[in-house]
């Protein structure tokens, strides 16, 4: 990885540089200075690369509708929604940037340091402005000297190009903190993404009012529009192909580790989307009983199960969240099949309960009842009735988690929504959620027969509520045990 060519001191910069913001130096750079001649040379001889007659991005109409709804909810108030900044991984290397969900939802933009500002206009409306970093400055050498200059990290859109693509007037974000510091009137900000914006607004906002904005933007995503539904289906289809890739390469995973599975799925996510939507859970054998096993450094053994929980995030930042539990050698053992079939039956009951007008909790309750019935039938809960088990929550020793969650731009979408609109709410068309019951028998659980220990099974699909029921967006992947075995046999050849 190359090091930037940074001037040693501001005094060594050209006259134009002295008038511009100083460019950060790198310690121990090989070039201690930039000559006036080189600085002058780098200013000229570059082609005009401005793009013209750009068409709006596909979701521009939808983001405009979302901003209009936001404007109507907070009339007369200035609203500030930042994309966020780069985060340091170590020393001078950064994590890959991912724009804040709220910002991307309202703009369709994904660039670092961007900020959407809705300024009150008229009695009830707002004027939206997108504050972005413009193209790198060629007069002061920023484009080739600065670590975030375009010769180092790539071209970014000009403000004019951004306006054409996003349908929002754009200005230089470096002017925004000073403008916000002088602003008057009520202001709300989505916190936690941009420290410079928060510092500029420190005496103008309150935690309570900012939280109301965050909650609104979370609840606005509970019902997906047509663009979002199409993106979620795209994410599920790509995820299905990633699962097929994994099955085809299980022999290589057996020769290495769970990391081969992780890498195989990641390749599909990067080919067909932006990234994985969350850390892939590639849990083989007893690791399947750890709910969020993301170390993925264990052995992959024939005769054991692989619990693969993974999702592709599309280029527009919508993620799938799918789990399949697969026999590594392609065939379930009788006990594995018994446990798997119980989870499958529970998932079937849960999916059937997803429909418009149903309480959000209904699918969880339906799936948990089936699992409790199986645990009682297997003699793991003494002589207690199923109703008593559910009343006391005793099935949770082996079911552990809720049966699902909202899904969208975040894998656990709408997380800031109020309880009354989420888990105590009612389903309606356009809601997308996961249904993912599981049974997990820990390797050290002495309350179950020894042969159960170390077996974990989860089946998860992404379910869209429709006008007349539901649609399984991830239904291209088989779920029933016989179908899973046949699918794996076909893929393995």
Protein backbone atom coordinates (compact mmCIF):
# COMPACT_ATOMS: atom_id res chain seq x y z
CA UNK A 1 0.00 0.00 0.00
CA UNK A 2 1.58 3.25 -1.15
CA UNK A 3 2.25 6.27 1.03
CA UNK A 4 1.03 9.76 0.10
CA UNK A 5 3.47 12.40 -1.11
CA UNK A 6 2.98 15.13 1.52
CA UNK A 7 4.75 18.49 1.89
CA UNK A 8 6.89 18.67 4.99
CA UNK A 9 5.73 22.11 6.16
CA UNK A 10 3.06 24.62 5.14
CA UNK A 11 5.83 27.11 4.30
CA UNK A 12 6.96 24.85 1.46
CA UNK A 13 3.57 24.98 -0.22
CA UNK A 14 2.88 27.24 -3.16
CA UNK A 15 1.10 30.57 -2.74
CA UNK A 16 -2.18 28.91 -3.63
CA UNK A 17 -1.61 26.27 -1.00
CA UNK A 18 -1.05 28.88 1.69
CA UNK A 19 -4.50 30.29 1.03
CA UNK A 20 -6.10 26.84 1.15
CA UNK A 21 -6.59 24.44 4.00
CA UNK A 22 -3.28 22.85 4.95
CA UNK A 23 -2.87 19.32 3.66
CA UNK A 24 -2.09 16.76 6.30
CA UNK A 25 1.47 15.47 6.31
CA UNK A 26 2.55 11.87 6.63
CA UNK A 27 5.29 11.07 9.09
CA UNK A 28 8.31 9.36 7.56
CA UNK A 29 7.36 10.08 3.95
CA UNK A 30 10.13 9.54 1.42
CA UNK A 31 9.65 12.97 -0.15
CA UNK A 32 10.23 15.79 2.36
CA UNK A 33 8.93 18.55 0.11
CA UNK A 34 7.18 19.45 -3.13
CA UNK A 35 9.08 21.82 -5.36
CA UNK A 36 7.32 24.88 -6.76
CA UNK A 37 8.01 23.50 -10.23
CA UNK A 38 6.35 20.16 -9.47
CA UNK A 39 3.40 21.84 -7.79
CA UNK A 40 2.90 24.04 -10.84
CA UNK A 41 3.32 21.10 -13.21
CA UNK A 42 0.60 19.13 -11.45
CA UNK A 43 -1.95 21.91 -11.96
CA UNK A 44 -2.24 21.58 -15.70
CA UNK A 45 -2.45 19.05 -18.49
CA UNK A 46 -5.57 17.30 -17.24
CA UNK A 47 -8.61 16.57 -19.40
CA UNK A 48 -12.04 17.87 -18.46
CA UNK A 49 -13.85 14.84 -17.01
CA UNK A 50 -17.12 16.51 -16.01
CA UNK A 51 -20.08 14.23 -16.81
CA UNK A 52 -23.09 15.75 -18.53
CA UNK A 53 -26.77 14.90 -19.08
CA UNK A 54 -26.83 12.38 -16.25
CA UNK A 55 -30.12 10.65 -15.49
CA UNK A 56 -31.52 10.42 -11.95
CA UNK A 57 -30.76 7.23 -10.04
CA UNK A 58 -33.62 4.68 -10.07
CA UNK A 59 -34.74 5.44 -6.53
CA UNK A 60 -34.72 9.26 -6.85
CA UNK A 61 -38.52 9.40 -7.06
CA UNK A 62 -38.81 7.25 -3.93
CA UNK A 63 -36.27 9.26 -1.93
CA UNK A 64 -38.17 12.45 -2.84
CA UNK A 65 -41.38 10.91 -1.47
CA UNK A 66 -39.56 9.92 1.72
CA UNK A 67 -38.24 13.45 2.20
CA UNK A 68 -41.72 14.86 1.63
CA UNK A 69 -43.14 12.62 4.36
CA UNK A 70 -40.32 13.68 6.70
CA UNK A 71 -41.00 17.34 5.91
CA UNK A 72 -44.68 16.93 6.75
CA UNK A 73 -43.85 15.33 10.08
CA UNK A 74 -41.60 18.17 11.30
CA UNK A 75 -42.91 21.44 9.83
CA UNK A 76 -40.92 24.58 10.53
CA UNK A 77 -37.86 22.75 11.87
CA UNK A 78 -34.39 22.41 10.39
CA UNK A 79 -33.54 18.72 9.96
CA UNK A 80 -29.94 17.50 9.68
CA UNK A 81 -29.15 13.93 8.57
CA UNK A 82 -25.42 13.06 8.16
CA UNK A 83 -23.94 10.19 6.18
CA UNK A 84 -21.04 9.79 8.61
CA UNK A 85 -17.27 9.82 8.29
CA UNK A 86 -14.53 7.28 7.75
CA UNK A 87 -13.65 5.23 10.81
CA UNK A 88 -10.06 4.30 11.58
CA UNK A 89 -9.29 0.59 11.60
CA UNK A 90 -5.66 0.95 12.64
CA UNK A 91 -3.20 3.85 12.44
CA UNK A 92 -3.87 5.37 9.02
CA UNK A 93 -6.07 2.67 7.48
CA UNK A 94 -9.85 2.94 7.55
CA UNK A 95 -12.79 0.60 7.48
CA UNK A 96 -14.74 0.53 4.24
CA UNK A 97 -17.26 3.35 4.43
CA UNK A 98 -20.95 2.60 4.74
CA UNK A 99 -23.32 5.58 4.79
CA UNK A 100 -25.76 5.86 7.66
CA UNK A 101 -29.05 4.15 6.90
CA UNK A 102 -31.10 7.29 7.55
CA UNK A 103 -29.02 9.33 5.10
CA UNK A 104 -29.00 6.71 2.34
CA UNK A 105 -32.74 6.12 2.78
CA UNK A 106 -33.52 9.80 2.21
CA UNK A 107 -31.01 10.56 -0.55
CA UNK A 108 -29.81 7.42 -2.34
CA UNK A 109 -26.28 8.77 -1.86
CA UNK A 110 -23.54 6.73 -0.18
CA UNK A 111 -20.55 9.09 -0.05
CA UNK A 112 -18.66 9.82 3.13
CA UNK A 113 -19.05 13.17 4.92
CA UNK A 114 -22.32 13.97 3.14
CA UNK A 115 -25.09 15.74 5.06
CA UNK A 116 -28.73 16.22 4.07
CA UNK A 117 -30.27 19.41 5.44
CA UNK A 118 -33.97 20.23 5.20
CA UNK A 119 -34.45 23.97 5.69
CA UNK A 120 -37.95 25.22 6.63
CA UNK A 121 -39.65 26.94 3.69
CA UNK A 122 -43.10 28.48 3.76
CA UNK A 123 -45.70 27.44 6.28
CA UNK A 124 -45.16 23.69 6.20
CA UNK A 125 -42.57 22.67 3.63
CA UNK A 126 -38.80 22.36 3.44
CA UNK A 127 -36.06 22.94 0.92
CA UNK A 128 -33.60 20.07 0.79
CA UNK A 129 -29.89 20.65 0.25
CA UNK A 130 -27.24 17.98 0.03
CA UNK A 131 -23.86 19.01 1.41
CA UNK A 132 -21.06 16.97 -0.17
CA UNK A 133 -17.35 17.01 -0.76
CA UNK A 134 -16.77 18.50 -4.23
CA UNK A 135 -14.19 17.21 -6.68
CA UNK A 136 -10.63 17.37 -5.32
CA UNK A 137 -8.96 20.78 -5.68
CA UNK A 138 -6.28 20.83 -8.37
CA UNK A 139 -5.03 24.33 -7.64
CA UNK A 140 -3.79 23.57 -4.12
CA UNK A 141 -2.66 20.02 -4.91
CA UNK A 142 -5.30 18.31 -2.78
CA UNK A 143 -6.14 15.85 -5.56
CA UNK A 144 -2.69 14.23 -5.45
CA UNK A 145 -1.25 15.22 -2.06
CA UNK A 146 -4.10 14.58 0.34
CA UNK A 147 -4.76 11.04 1.56
CA UNK A 148 -8.39 11.36 0.45
CA UNK A 149 -7.52 13.09 -2.81
CA UNK A 150 -8.84 11.62 -6.02
CA UNK A 151 -5.52 10.21 -7.21
CA UNK A 152 -5.43 8.18 -3.98
CA UNK A 153 -8.99 7.01 -3.49
CA UNK A 154 -10.71 7.67 -6.81
CA UNK A 155 -12.88 10.22 -8.50
CA UNK A 156 -15.99 11.53 -6.80
CA UNK A 157 -18.94 13.27 -8.40
CA UNK A 158 -18.92 17.02 -8.82
CA UNK A 159 -21.67 18.92 -7.05
CA UNK A 160 -23.43 19.44 -10.39
CA UNK A 161 -23.24 15.73 -11.19
CA UNK A 162 -24.62 14.87 -7.75
CA UNK A 163 -27.54 17.23 -8.28
CA UNK A 164 -28.42 15.52 -11.56
CA UNK A 165 -28.13 12.01 -10.12
CA UNK A 166 -29.90 12.57 -6.82
CA UNK A 167 -32.37 15.32 -7.68
CA UNK A 168 -31.25 17.50 -4.75
CA UNK A 169 -29.37 20.84 -4.88
CA UNK A 170 -25.79 20.30 -3.66
CA UNK A 171 -23.28 22.52 -1.87
CA UNK A 172 -19.79 22.16 -0.41
CA UNK A 173 -20.04 20.33 2.93
CA UNK A 174 -16.97 22.12 4.27
CA UNK A 175 -19.10 25.25 4.57
CA UNK A 176 -21.83 23.54 6.57
CA UNK A 177 -20.52 23.51 10.17
CA UNK A 178 -20.08 27.29 10.18
CA UNK A 179 -23.53 27.79 8.64
CA UNK A 180 -25.15 25.50 11.21
CA UNK A 181 -23.38 27.24 14.06
CA UNK A 182 -25.06 30.49 13.02
CA UNK A 183 -28.47 28.95 12.35
CA UNK A 184 -31.50 29.99 14.37
CA UNK A 185 -34.78 28.27 15.06
CA UNK A 186 -35.58 24.68 16.03
CA UNK A 187 -33.14 22.03 14.80
CA UNK A 188 -33.09 18.23 14.91
CA UNK A 189 -30.09 16.05 14.09
CA UNK A 190 -29.53 12.33 13.67
CA UNK A 191 -26.75 11.75 16.16
CA UNK A 192 -23.83 9.35 16.21
CA UNK A 193 -22.52 9.82 12.69
CA UNK A 194 -20.67 13.14 12.36
CA UNK A 195 -18.88 14.77 15.31
CA UNK A 196 -18.27 18.06 13.49
CA UNK A 197 -21.99 18.48 12.79
CA UNK A 198 -22.87 17.66 16.37
CA UNK A 199 -20.33 20.19 17.64
CA UNK A 200 -21.84 22.89 15.43
CA UNK A 201 -25.31 22.13 16.78
CA UNK A 202 -24.40 21.52 20.41
CA UNK A 203 -26.38 24.49 21.78
CA UNK A 204 -29.30 24.15 19.35
CA UNK A 205 -30.56 20.60 19.84
CA UNK A 206 -31.79 18.38 22.62
CA UNK A 207 -31.39 14.65 23.04
CA UNK A 208 -35.16 14.19 23.28
CA UNK A 209 -35.93 16.03 20.05
CA UNK A 210 -33.13 14.31 18.17
CA UNK A 211 -34.39 10.94 19.35
CA UNK A 212 -37.85 11.76 18.00
CA UNK A 213 -36.29 12.30 14.58
CA UNK A 214 -34.37 9.02 14.78
CA UNK A 215 -37.50 7.14 15.85
CA UNK A 216 -39.54 8.63 13.03
CA UNK A 217 -36.97 7.63 10.41
CA UNK A 218 -36.86 4.11 11.85
CA UNK A 219 -40.64 3.73 11.82
CA UNK A 220 -40.87 5.18 8.30
CA UNK A 221 -39.03 2.09 7.09
CA UNK A 222 -41.47 -0.39 8.62
CA UNK A 223 -43.48 -0.47 5.38
CA UNK A 224 -41.35 -0.87 2.26
CA UNK A 225 -42.08 0.85 -1.05
CA UNK A 226 -41.86 -0.86 -4.44
CA UNK A 227 -38.18 -0.01 -4.92
CA UNK A 228 -37.27 -1.49 -1.53
CA UNK A 229 -39.22 -4.69 -2.14
CA UNK A 230 -37.44 -5.20 -5.45
CA UNK A 231 -34.08 -4.65 -3.76
CA UNK A 232 -34.87 -7.17 -1.04
CA UNK A 233 -35.83 -9.76 -3.63
CA UNK A 234 -32.60 -9.03 -5.49
CA UNK A 235 -30.66 -9.50 -2.24
CA UNK A 236 -32.40 -12.82 -1.57
CA UNK A 237 -31.73 -14.13 -5.07
CA UNK A 238 -28.04 -13.26 -4.84
CA UNK A 239 -27.90 -14.83 -1.39
CA UNK A 240 -29.37 -18.06 -2.75
CA UNK A 241 -26.59 -18.19 -5.33
CA UNK A 242 -24.08 -17.65 -2.53
CA UNK A 243 -25.50 -20.64 -0.65
CA UNK A 244 -25.18 -22.72 -3.81
CA UNK A 245 -21.54 -21.65 -4.09
CA UNK A 246 -20.95 -22.86 -0.53
CA UNK A 247 -22.51 -26.27 -1.12
CA UNK A 248 -20.37 -26.76 -4.23
CA UNK A 249 -17.21 -26.02 -2.24
CA UNK A 250 -17.91 -27.97 0.97
CA UNK A 251 -15.13 -30.43 0.17
CA UNK A 252 -12.63 -27.56 0.18
CA UNK A 253 -14.07 -26.30 3.47
CA UNK A 254 -13.56 -29.75 4.98
CA UNK A 255 -9.93 -29.54 3.92
CA UNK A 256 -9.50 -26.11 5.49
CA UNK A 257 -12.04 -24.55 7.88
CA UNK A 258 -15.22 -22.53 8.21
CA UNK A 259 -13.27 -19.61 6.76
CA UNK A 260 -13.47 -21.19 3.32
CA UNK A 261 -17.25 -21.03 3.61
CA UNK A 262 -17.07 -17.43 4.78
CA UNK A 263 -14.81 -16.45 1.89
CA UNK A 264 -16.88 -18.30 -0.67
CA UNK A 265 -20.05 -16.48 0.30
CA UNK A 266 -18.24 -13.14 0.56
CA UNK A 267 -17.09 -13.50 -3.05
CA UNK A 268 -20.70 -13.79 -4.21
CA UNK A 269 -21.69 -10.78 -2.08
CA UNK A 270 -19.00 -8.63 -3.66
CA UNK A 271 -19.75 -9.83 -7.19
CA UNK A 272 -23.49 -9.21 -7.02
CA UNK A 273 -23.77 -6.53 -4.36
CA UNK A 274 -22.02 -4.01 -2.18
CA UNK A 275 -20.97 -6.36 0.62
CA UNK A 276 -22.33 -8.84 3.10
CA UNK A 277 -25.16 -7.30 5.09
CA UNK A 278 -23.70 -8.53 8.39
CA UNK A 279 -20.96 -10.84 9.59
CA UNK A 280 -21.61 -14.26 8.08
CA UNK A 281 -22.28 -17.06 10.56
CA UNK A 282 -20.57 -20.17 9.15
CA UNK A 283 -21.07 -22.47 12.10
CA UNK A 284 -20.14 -26.13 11.69
CA UNK A 285 -20.74 -28.83 14.26
CA UNK A 286 -21.17 -27.57 17.84
CA UNK A 287 -20.47 -23.99 16.74
CA UNK A 288 -24.04 -24.01 15.39
CA UNK A 289 -25.27 -23.70 18.97
CA UNK A 290 -23.59 -20.28 19.32
CA UNK A 291 -26.13 -17.83 17.95
CA UNK A 292 -23.69 -15.30 16.48
CA UNK A 293 -20.70 -17.46 15.69
CA UNK A 294 -18.67 -15.15 13.42
CA UNK A 295 -15.14 -16.30 14.26
CA UNK A 296 -15.55 -18.91 11.54
CA UNK A 297 -12.27 -20.61 12.35
CA UNK A 298 -13.48 -24.09 13.21
CA UNK A 299 -13.29 -27.45 11.49
CA UNK A 300 -15.86 -28.62 8.94
CA UNK A 301 -16.51 -32.34 9.38
CA UNK A 302 -18.57 -34.84 7.43
CA UNK A 303 -21.41 -36.20 9.53
CA UNK A 304 -22.01 -32.87 11.30
CA UNK A 305 -24.30 -29.98 10.41
CA UNK A 306 -23.40 -26.59 8.98
CA UNK A 307 -25.54 -23.66 10.08
CA UNK A 308 -25.01 -20.93 7.49
CA UNK A 309 -26.62 -17.56 8.29
CA UNK A 310 -25.63 -15.01 5.65
CA UNK A 311 -27.01 -12.26 3.44
CA UNK A 312 -25.93 -10.25 0.42
CA UNK A 313 -26.29 -6.48 0.71
CA UNK A 314 -27.24 -4.92 -2.63
CA UNK A 315 -25.47 -1.92 -4.09
CA UNK A 316 -28.34 0.18 -2.77
CA UNK A 317 -27.77 -1.21 0.75
CA UNK A 318 -30.71 -3.59 1.20
CA UNK A 319 -29.77 -6.90 2.78
CA UNK A 320 -31.11 -10.40 2.82
CA UNK A 321 -30.92 -12.50 6.00
CA UNK A 322 -31.21 -16.22 5.30
CA UNK A 323 -30.25 -19.31 7.28
CA UNK A 324 -30.03 -22.92 6.19
CA UNK A 325 -28.78 -25.83 8.27
CA UNK A 326 -27.13 -28.36 5.99
CA UNK A 327 -25.74 -31.86 6.49
CA UNK A 328 -22.10 -31.48 5.51
CA UNK A 329 -21.98 -34.91 3.89
CA UNK A 330 -25.29 -34.27 2.14
CA UNK A 331 -27.50 -36.55 4.27
CA UNK A 332 -29.16 -35.94 7.64
CA UNK A 333 -28.70 -38.58 10.32
CA UNK A 334 -31.98 -39.78 11.90
CA UNK A 335 -31.50 -37.56 14.98
CA UNK A 336 -30.40 -34.57 12.93
CA UNK A 337 -33.48 -34.99 10.74
CA UNK A 338 -35.77 -35.25 13.78
CA UNK A 339 -34.50 -31.96 15.17
CA UNK A 340 -34.44 -30.34 11.73
CA UNK A 341 -38.02 -31.41 10.98
CA UNK A 342 -39.17 -29.91 14.29
CA UNK A 343 -37.64 -26.56 13.37
CA UNK A 344 -39.09 -26.78 9.87
CA UNK A 345 -42.56 -27.44 11.28
CA UNK A 346 -42.15 -24.48 13.62
CA UNK A 347 -41.09 -22.24 10.75
CA UNK A 348 -44.07 -23.36 8.67
CA UNK A 349 -46.37 -22.38 11.54
CA UNK A 350 -44.61 -19.04 11.91
CA UNK A 351 -44.79 -18.19 8.21
CA UNK A 352 -48.48 -19.10 8.11
CA UNK A 353 -49.12 -16.54 10.86
CA UNK A 354 -47.62 -13.68 8.82
CA UNK A 355 -50.51 -11.81 7.19
CA UNK A 356 -52.05 -8.35 7.16
CA UNK A 357 -53.95 -7.53 10.33
CA UNK A 358 -52.08 -10.10 12.41
CA UNK A 359 -50.25 -9.02 15.52
CA UNK A 360 -46.50 -8.88 15.03
CA UNK A 361 -46.04 -11.36 17.88
CA UNK A 362 -48.29 -14.00 16.29
CA UNK A 363 -45.60 -15.63 14.15
CA UNK A 364 -43.25 -15.89 17.13
CA UNK A 365 -45.94 -17.41 19.33
CA UNK A 366 -46.93 -19.91 16.64
CA UNK A 367 -43.37 -21.11 16.11
CA UNK A 368 -42.57 -21.28 19.81
CA UNK A 369 -45.64 -23.40 20.49
CA UNK A 370 -44.52 -25.99 17.96
CA UNK A 371 -41.03 -26.13 19.44
CA UNK A 372 -42.42 -26.42 22.96
CA UNK A 373 -44.63 -29.30 21.82
CA UNK A 374 -41.61 -31.11 20.38
CA UNK A 375 -39.51 -30.60 23.52
CA UNK A 376 -42.34 -31.96 25.68
CA UNK A 377 -42.86 -34.87 23.28
CA UNK A 378 -39.16 -35.72 23.50
CA UNK A 379 -39.34 -35.85 27.29
CA UNK A 380 -36.96 -32.93 27.87
CA UNK A 381 -39.34 -31.01 30.16
CA UNK A 382 -40.64 -33.68 32.48
CA UNK A 383 -44.40 -33.96 32.79
CA UNK A 384 -45.17 -30.28 32.25
CA UNK A 385 -47.87 -29.34 29.77
CA UNK A 386 -47.06 -27.31 26.70
CA UNK A 387 -49.11 -24.38 28.02
CA UNK A 388 -47.17 -24.42 31.29
CA UNK A 389 -43.85 -24.59 29.47
CA UNK A 390 -44.82 -21.55 27.40
CA UNK A 391 -46.11 -19.68 30.42
CA UNK A 392 -42.78 -20.17 32.20
CA UNK A 393 -40.70 -19.76 29.06
CA UNK A 394 -38.83 -23.00 29.75
CA UNK A 395 -38.49 -23.81 26.04
CA UNK A 396 -36.12 -20.85 25.79
CA UNK A 397 -33.27 -22.95 27.20
CA UNK A 398 -33.09 -24.48 23.73
CA UNK A 399 -34.86 -21.90 21.50
CA UNK A 400 -32.98 -18.93 22.95
CA UNK A 401 -34.00 -16.07 20.64
CA UNK A 402 -37.02 -14.37 19.16
CA UNK A 403 -38.42 -15.90 15.99
CA UNK A 404 -37.68 -12.94 13.73
CA UNK A 405 -37.15 -9.23 13.18
CA UNK A 406 -37.77 -6.48 10.66
CA UNK A 407 -35.51 -6.50 7.60
CA UNK A 408 -34.42 -3.82 5.16
CA UNK A 409 -31.42 -1.51 4.91
CA UNK A 410 -30.27 -2.84 8.27
CA UNK A 411 -30.34 -6.53 8.98
CA UNK A 412 -32.19 -5.69 12.21
CA UNK A 413 -34.14 -2.91 10.55
CA UNK A 414 -36.27 -0.25 12.24
CA UNK A 415 -34.44 -0.84 15.51
CA UNK A 416 -35.32 2.57 16.96
CA UNK A 417 -39.05 2.12 16.38
CA UNK A 418 -41.29 2.35 19.41
CA UNK A 419 -42.43 -0.91 20.99
CA UNK A 420 -46.06 -0.08 20.26
CA UNK A 421 -45.37 0.19 16.52
CA UNK A 422 -42.96 -2.76 16.31
CA UNK A 423 -43.33 -5.82 18.54
CA UNK A 424 -46.75 -4.69 19.82
CA UNK A 425 -47.81 -3.51 16.37
CA UNK A 426 -49.93 -4.98 13.62
CA UNK A 427 -48.63 -6.31 10.31
CA UNK A 428 -49.61 -4.57 7.08
CA UNK A 429 -48.72 -5.02 3.41
CA UNK A 430 -45.17 -3.93 2.68
CA UNK A 431 -43.69 -5.07 5.99
CA UNK A 432 -40.72 -7.42 5.53
CA UNK A 433 -39.50 -9.62 8.36
CA UNK A 434 -37.57 -12.79 9.03
CA UNK A 435 -39.04 -16.00 10.37
CA UNK A 436 -36.21 -17.99 11.94
CA UNK A 437 -36.98 -20.50 14.68
CA UNK A 438 -34.17 -22.67 16.00
CA UNK A 439 -33.21 -25.37 18.44
CA UNK A 440 -29.77 -25.34 20.06
CA UNK A 441 -28.46 -28.10 22.29
CA UNK A 442 -25.22 -26.91 23.84
CA UNK A 443 -22.28 -29.32 23.95
CA UNK A 444 -22.17 -29.09 27.75
CA UNK A 445 -25.93 -29.34 28.39
CA UNK A 446 -26.38 -32.24 30.80
CA UNK A 447 -30.18 -31.92 30.77
CA UNK A 448 -30.49 -33.51 27.32
CA UNK A 449 -29.40 -36.93 26.05
CA UNK A 450 -25.76 -37.02 25.03
CA UNK A 451 -26.55 -37.58 21.36
CA UNK A 452 -28.40 -34.21 21.23
CA UNK A 453 -25.43 -32.24 22.53
CA UNK A 454 -23.67 -30.04 20.03
CA UNK A 455 -26.53 -29.99 17.53
CA UNK A 456 -27.90 -26.59 16.45
CA UNK A 457 -30.54 -26.03 13.78
CA UNK A 458 -32.02 -22.78 12.47
CA UNK A 459 -34.06 -22.16 9.32
CA UNK A 460 -34.63 -18.55 8.30
CA UNK A 461 -36.46 -16.90 5.44
CA UNK A 462 -37.35 -13.33 4.49
CA UNK A 463 -41.12 -12.87 4.40
CA UNK A 464 -43.00 -9.97 2.81
CA UNK A 465 -46.52 -9.19 4.01
CA UNK A 466 -48.84 -8.90 1.00
CA UNK A 467 -52.46 -7.82 0.58
CA UNK A 468 -53.66 -11.42 0.80
CA UNK A 469 -51.06 -13.06 3.02
CA UNK A 470 -47.31 -13.25 2.53
CA UNK A 471 -44.58 -13.98 0.02
CA UNK A 472 -41.33 -15.78 0.81
CA UNK A 473 -38.64 -13.69 -0.87
CA UNK A 474 -35.99 -16.36 -0.28
CA UNK A 475 -38.05 -19.30 -1.50
CA UNK A 476 -35.56 -20.30 -4.20
CA UNK A 477 -33.61 -22.13 -1.48
CA UNK A 478 -35.15 -25.46 -0.41
CA UNK A 479 -36.22 -25.90 3.20
CA UNK A 480 -37.81 -29.34 3.61
CA UNK A 481 -35.25 -32.02 4.57
CA UNK A 482 -35.69 -34.27 1.51
CA UNK A 483 -35.51 -31.25 -0.79
CA UNK A 484 -32.35 -30.03 0.94
CA UNK A 485 -30.66 -33.38 0.43
CA UNK A 486 -31.70 -33.56 -3.22
CA UNK A 487 -30.54 -29.97 -3.84
CA UNK A 488 -27.15 -30.66 -2.26
CA UNK A 489 -26.72 -33.87 -4.26
CA UNK A 490 -27.51 -32.04 -7.49
CA UNK A 491 -25.03 -29.22 -6.74
CA UNK A 492 -22.28 -31.60 -5.74
CA UNK A 493 -22.74 -33.54 -8.97
